[in-house]
Amino acid sequence: ASEMGRTVLATVGTTSFDELVRTLDSTEALEALRARGYNALVLQIGRGEVVPTHILPAGHHEGVPHATAQGVTVSYFRFKPNLD
């Protein structure tokens, strides 16, 4: 039987919360998520100036999932009409 993935959605709404994005943009954060059974991280960064650059490769595009060495797939977006 395949195991369902567990996803963390970190959302800042329509504002910015750069410190949250900065904190999650680290290998330590990914390792902590993986240790707790999560295998995906989706960041909604709103109007923030900080984009995840430490855990994503250079030139990475918004909305494109990326598998990290820590076993957590990461993606980010600014805004969406809904979270489906």
Protein backbone atom coordinates (compact mmCIF):
# COMPACT_ATOMS: atom_id res chain seq x y z
CA ALA A 1 0.00 0.00 0.00
CA SER A 2 1.30 3.46 -0.82
CA GLU A 3 1.66 5.96 1.98
CA MET A 4 -0.20 9.25 1.66
CA GLY A 5 2.01 12.29 1.85
CA ARG A 6 1.72 14.88 4.54
CA THR A 7 1.97 18.52 3.52
CA VAL A 8 2.66 21.69 5.48
CA LEU A 9 1.03 24.81 4.04
CA ALA A 10 2.62 27.97 5.43
CA THR A 11 0.47 30.92 4.47
CA VAL A 12 0.89 34.64 5.07
CA GLY A 13 -2.39 35.71 3.46
CA THR A 14 -2.32 38.97 1.52
CA THR A 15 0.35 40.57 3.70
CA SER A 16 3.98 39.64 4.15
CA PHE A 17 5.66 37.62 6.89
CA ASP A 18 9.24 37.49 5.68
CA GLU A 19 10.57 36.07 8.95
CA LEU A 20 8.35 32.97 8.60
CA VAL A 21 9.52 32.39 5.04
CA ARG A 22 13.14 33.02 6.08
CA THR A 23 12.83 30.47 8.92
CA LEU A 24 11.33 27.78 6.69
CA ASP A 25 13.95 28.44 3.99
CA SER A 26 16.54 26.24 5.70
CA THR A 27 17.74 22.67 5.62
CA GLU A 28 17.11 22.52 9.38
CA ALA A 29 13.43 23.29 8.88
CA LEU A 30 13.15 20.64 6.16
CA GLU A 31 14.90 18.07 8.35
CA ALA A 32 12.53 18.87 11.24
CA LEU A 33 9.49 18.49 8.96
CA ARG A 34 10.76 15.18 7.57
CA ALA A 35 11.48 13.87 11.07
CA ARG A 36 7.83 14.53 11.90
CA GLY A 37 6.57 12.62 8.87
CA TYR A 38 5.97 15.47 6.42
CA ASN A 39 7.12 15.15 2.83
CA ALA A 40 5.93 18.42 1.26
CA LEU A 41 6.14 22.12 2.09
CA VAL A 42 4.08 24.73 0.25
CA LEU A 43 4.85 28.37 1.00
CA GLN A 44 2.34 31.11 0.19
CA ILE A 45 4.53 34.21 0.41
CA GLY A 46 2.03 36.97 -0.46
CA ARG A 47 3.62 40.40 -0.91
CA GLY A 48 6.78 39.40 0.93
CA GLU A 49 10.23 40.32 -0.30
CA VAL A 50 11.76 37.01 0.78
CA VAL A 51 11.50 34.03 -1.57
CA PRO A 52 12.96 30.63 -0.67
CA THR A 53 16.49 30.67 -2.11
CA HIS A 54 18.35 28.36 0.30
CA ILE A 55 16.14 25.29 -0.15
CA LEU A 56 15.40 25.81 -3.85
CA PRO A 57 17.89 25.89 -6.72
CA ALA A 58 18.87 29.14 -8.44
CA GLY A 59 16.41 30.11 -11.15
CA HIS A 60 13.57 28.09 -9.59
CA HIS A 61 10.11 29.21 -10.72
CA GLU A 62 7.08 29.97 -8.61
CA GLY A 63 4.59 27.10 -8.42
CA VAL A 64 7.00 24.38 -9.59
CA PRO A 65 7.57 21.63 -6.98
CA HIS A 66 11.20 20.74 -6.25
CA ALA A 67 12.37 17.57 -4.46
CA THR A 68 15.06 18.38 -1.89
CA ALA A 69 17.84 16.20 -0.50
CA GLN A 70 15.96 16.14 2.81
CA GLY A 71 13.07 14.25 1.22
CA VAL A 72 10.65 17.17 1.33
CA THR A 73 9.17 18.54 -1.89
CA VAL A 74 9.03 22.35 -1.77
CA SER A 75 7.05 24.86 -3.80
CA TYR A 76 5.93 28.45 -3.33
CA PHE A 77 3.45 30.91 -4.73
CA ARG A 78 2.39 34.47 -4.01
CA PHE A 79 -1.41 34.40 -4.44
CA LYS A 80 -4.10 32.01 -5.67
CA PRO A 81 -7.85 32.50 -5.89
CA ASN A 82 -8.30 29.38 -3.71
CA LEU A 83 -6.18 26.64 -2.16
CA ASP A 84 -7.54 23.69 -4.16
